[in-house]
N, C-alpha and C. Protein backbone atom coordinates (compact mmCIF):
# COMPACT_ATOMS: atom_id res chain seq x y z
N MET A 1 0.84 -1.18 0.00
CA MET A 1 0.00 0.00 0.00
C MET A 1 0.89 1.24 0.00
N THR A 2 0.61 2.18 -0.87
CA THR A 2 1.36 3.42 -0.98
C THR A 2 0.56 4.54 -0.34
N VAL A 3 1.23 5.29 0.51
CA VAL A 3 0.60 6.45 1.15
C VAL A 3 1.19 7.70 0.52
N HIS A 4 0.33 8.55 0.00
CA HIS A 4 0.77 9.80 -0.60
C HIS A 4 0.57 10.92 0.41
N VAL A 5 1.64 11.57 0.73
CA VAL A 5 1.59 12.68 1.68
C VAL A 5 1.77 13.97 0.88
N ALA A 6 0.85 14.89 1.08
CA ALA A 6 0.96 16.18 0.39
C ALA A 6 2.09 16.97 1.04
N VAL A 7 3.08 17.28 0.26
CA VAL A 7 4.22 18.05 0.75
C VAL A 7 4.14 19.44 0.14
N MET A 8 4.08 20.42 1.01
CA MET A 8 3.99 21.79 0.54
C MET A 8 5.38 22.25 0.08
N ASP A 9 5.45 22.75 -1.11
CA ASP A 9 6.67 23.30 -1.66
C ASP A 9 7.19 24.41 -0.73
N ILE A 10 8.50 24.54 -0.63
CA ILE A 10 9.09 25.54 0.27
C ILE A 10 8.65 26.96 -0.09
N ARG A 11 8.45 27.22 -1.39
CA ARG A 11 7.96 28.56 -1.78
C ARG A 11 6.55 28.78 -1.27
N GLU A 12 5.73 27.71 -1.29
CA GLU A 12 4.36 27.83 -0.79
C GLU A 12 4.36 28.07 0.72
N ARG A 13 5.27 27.38 1.44
CA ARG A 13 5.36 27.59 2.89
C ARG A 13 5.79 29.02 3.20
N LEU A 14 6.81 29.50 2.49
CA LEU A 14 7.26 30.87 2.68
C LEU A 14 6.13 31.85 2.38
N ALA A 15 5.44 31.65 1.27
CA ALA A 15 4.34 32.54 0.87
C ALA A 15 3.26 32.57 1.95
N ARG A 16 2.86 31.39 2.42
CA ARG A 16 1.81 31.31 3.44
C ARG A 16 2.26 32.00 4.72
N ASN A 17 3.47 31.73 5.17
CA ASN A 17 3.96 32.31 6.42
C ASN A 17 4.12 33.83 6.32
N LEU A 18 4.62 34.31 5.20
CA LEU A 18 4.75 35.76 5.02
C LEU A 18 3.38 36.43 5.11
N ARG A 19 2.42 35.87 4.39
CA ARG A 19 1.07 36.45 4.36
C ARG A 19 0.45 36.45 5.76
N LEU A 20 0.53 35.31 6.45
CA LEU A 20 -0.08 35.21 7.78
C LEU A 20 0.58 36.15 8.79
N LEU A 21 1.91 36.17 8.81
CA LEU A 21 2.60 37.04 9.76
C LEU A 21 2.39 38.52 9.44
N ARG A 22 2.36 38.86 8.17
CA ARG A 22 2.09 40.25 7.77
C ARG A 22 0.68 40.66 8.22
N GLN A 23 -0.28 39.78 7.97
CA GLN A 23 -1.66 40.09 8.34
C GLN A 23 -1.83 40.18 9.86
N GLU A 24 -1.10 39.34 10.61
CA GLU A 24 -1.16 39.42 12.07
C GLU A 24 -0.71 40.79 12.57
N LYS A 25 0.23 41.40 11.87
CA LYS A 25 0.71 42.74 12.24
C LYS A 25 -0.21 43.84 11.73
N GLY A 26 -1.17 43.47 10.88
CA GLY A 26 -2.10 44.46 10.33
C GLY A 26 -1.48 45.31 9.25
N TRP A 27 -0.41 44.80 8.63
CA TRP A 27 0.30 45.55 7.60
C TRP A 27 -0.24 45.24 6.21
N SER A 28 -0.26 46.26 5.39
CA SER A 28 -0.48 46.06 3.95
C SER A 28 0.82 45.53 3.37
N GLN A 29 0.77 45.07 2.13
CA GLN A 29 2.01 44.65 1.47
C GLN A 29 2.96 45.83 1.36
N GLU A 30 2.43 47.00 1.12
CA GLU A 30 3.27 48.19 0.99
C GLU A 30 3.98 48.52 2.31
N ALA A 31 3.23 48.45 3.42
CA ALA A 31 3.84 48.73 4.73
C ALA A 31 4.91 47.69 5.05
N PHE A 32 4.64 46.44 4.74
CA PHE A 32 5.61 45.37 4.96
C PHE A 32 6.86 45.61 4.11
N ALA A 33 6.66 45.95 2.86
CA ALA A 33 7.78 46.22 1.96
C ALA A 33 8.65 47.35 2.52
N ASP A 34 8.01 48.41 3.01
CA ASP A 34 8.76 49.53 3.61
C ASP A 34 9.58 49.07 4.81
N GLU A 35 8.97 48.26 5.68
CA GLU A 35 9.67 47.75 6.87
C GLU A 35 10.88 46.89 6.49
N ALA A 36 10.73 46.11 5.41
CA ALA A 36 11.79 45.19 4.99
C ALA A 36 12.79 45.82 4.03
N GLY A 37 12.49 47.03 3.55
CA GLY A 37 13.38 47.68 2.60
C GLY A 37 13.32 47.06 1.21
N LEU A 38 12.12 46.57 0.84
CA LEU A 38 11.92 45.92 -0.45
C LEU A 38 10.78 46.61 -1.20
N HIS A 39 10.59 46.25 -2.45
CA HIS A 39 9.51 46.82 -3.25
C HIS A 39 8.22 46.05 -3.02
N ARG A 40 7.09 46.76 -3.05
CA ARG A 40 5.80 46.12 -2.81
C ARG A 40 5.51 44.99 -3.79
N THR A 41 5.86 45.17 -5.05
CA THR A 41 5.56 44.11 -6.02
C THR A 41 6.40 42.86 -5.75
N TYR A 42 7.59 43.06 -5.16
CA TYR A 42 8.41 41.91 -4.80
C TYR A 42 7.74 41.13 -3.67
N ILE A 43 7.19 41.84 -2.69
CA ILE A 43 6.44 41.20 -1.60
C ILE A 43 5.25 40.44 -2.17
N SER A 44 4.54 41.05 -3.08
CA SER A 44 3.41 40.40 -3.72
C SER A 44 3.83 39.11 -4.42
N ASP A 45 4.93 39.18 -5.15
CA ASP A 45 5.44 37.98 -5.84
C ASP A 45 5.81 36.89 -4.84
N LEU A 46 6.44 37.26 -3.74
CA LEU A 46 6.81 36.28 -2.72
C LEU A 46 5.57 35.63 -2.11
N GLU A 47 4.55 36.43 -1.83
CA GLU A 47 3.34 35.90 -1.22
C GLU A 47 2.54 35.01 -2.17
N ARG A 48 2.82 35.12 -3.45
CA ARG A 48 2.18 34.24 -4.44
C ARG A 48 3.06 33.05 -4.79
N GLY A 49 4.26 33.00 -4.22
CA GLY A 49 5.18 31.91 -4.52
C GLY A 49 5.80 32.02 -5.89
N ALA A 50 5.81 33.23 -6.45
CA ALA A 50 6.31 33.43 -7.80
C ALA A 50 7.79 33.79 -7.84
N ARG A 51 8.42 33.98 -6.68
CA ARG A 51 9.84 34.35 -6.63
C ARG A 51 10.59 33.41 -5.70
N ASN A 52 11.87 33.26 -5.95
CA ASN A 52 12.77 32.51 -5.08
C ASN A 52 13.74 33.53 -4.45
N PRO A 53 13.47 33.94 -3.22
CA PRO A 53 14.33 34.96 -2.61
C PRO A 53 15.67 34.38 -2.19
N THR A 54 16.67 35.24 -2.13
CA THR A 54 17.96 34.84 -1.60
C THR A 54 17.85 34.71 -0.08
N ILE A 55 18.83 34.08 0.53
CA ILE A 55 18.83 33.95 1.98
C ILE A 55 18.94 35.32 2.65
N THR A 56 19.58 36.26 1.99
CA THR A 56 19.69 37.62 2.51
C THR A 56 18.32 38.28 2.57
N VAL A 57 17.51 38.05 1.54
CA VAL A 57 16.14 38.60 1.52
C VAL A 57 15.30 37.93 2.60
N VAL A 58 15.43 36.62 2.76
CA VAL A 58 14.68 35.92 3.81
C VAL A 58 15.04 36.51 5.17
N ASP A 59 16.30 36.83 5.37
CA ASP A 59 16.74 37.45 6.63
C ASP A 59 16.11 38.82 6.82
N LYS A 60 16.04 39.63 5.77
CA LYS A 60 15.40 40.95 5.84
C LYS A 60 13.91 40.82 6.18
N LEU A 61 13.25 39.87 5.54
CA LEU A 61 11.82 39.65 5.78
C LEU A 61 11.58 39.25 7.23
N ALA A 62 12.40 38.30 7.72
CA ALA A 62 12.26 37.83 9.09
C ALA A 62 12.50 38.96 10.08
N ALA A 63 13.53 39.75 9.85
CA ALA A 63 13.83 40.87 10.76
C ALA A 63 12.67 41.85 10.80
N ALA A 64 12.09 42.15 9.66
CA ALA A 64 10.96 43.09 9.61
C ALA A 64 9.77 42.54 10.39
N LEU A 65 9.58 41.22 10.34
CA LEU A 65 8.45 40.60 11.02
C LEU A 65 8.75 40.24 12.47
N GLY A 66 10.03 40.35 12.86
CA GLY A 66 10.40 40.04 14.24
C GLY A 66 10.43 38.55 14.54
N VAL A 67 10.76 37.75 13.55
CA VAL A 67 10.84 36.30 13.71
C VAL A 67 12.19 35.81 13.21
N THR A 68 12.51 34.55 13.46
CA THR A 68 13.73 33.97 12.92
C THR A 68 13.50 33.60 11.46
N PRO A 69 14.55 33.58 10.65
CA PRO A 69 14.39 33.16 9.26
C PRO A 69 13.79 31.76 9.14
N GLY A 70 14.15 30.88 10.05
CA GLY A 70 13.59 29.53 10.03
C GLY A 70 12.09 29.50 10.18
N ARG A 71 11.55 30.44 10.95
CA ARG A 71 10.09 30.51 11.16
C ARG A 71 9.35 30.73 9.85
N LEU A 72 9.99 31.45 8.93
CA LEU A 72 9.34 31.71 7.65
C LEU A 72 9.26 30.47 6.77
N LEU A 73 10.12 29.49 7.04
CA LEU A 73 10.17 28.30 6.20
C LEU A 73 9.50 27.08 6.83
N ASP A 74 9.02 27.22 8.07
CA ASP A 74 8.34 26.10 8.75
C ASP A 74 6.99 25.82 8.15
């Protein structure tokens, strides 16, 4: 018997976590982008899983949200 486990792609996990943490802070994508020092459309792309950020960008995002970089990928 084969069991298929749905594995969420790492980009999907990052996208979901960014969106949830941003919304918990009550920030728009624009406000989040300002906090992280990034462009709003880049934040939008990340939240849709359309971009692969560098580890440096993940660190900027985490710092803006007040979490560890690992938290964004859980």
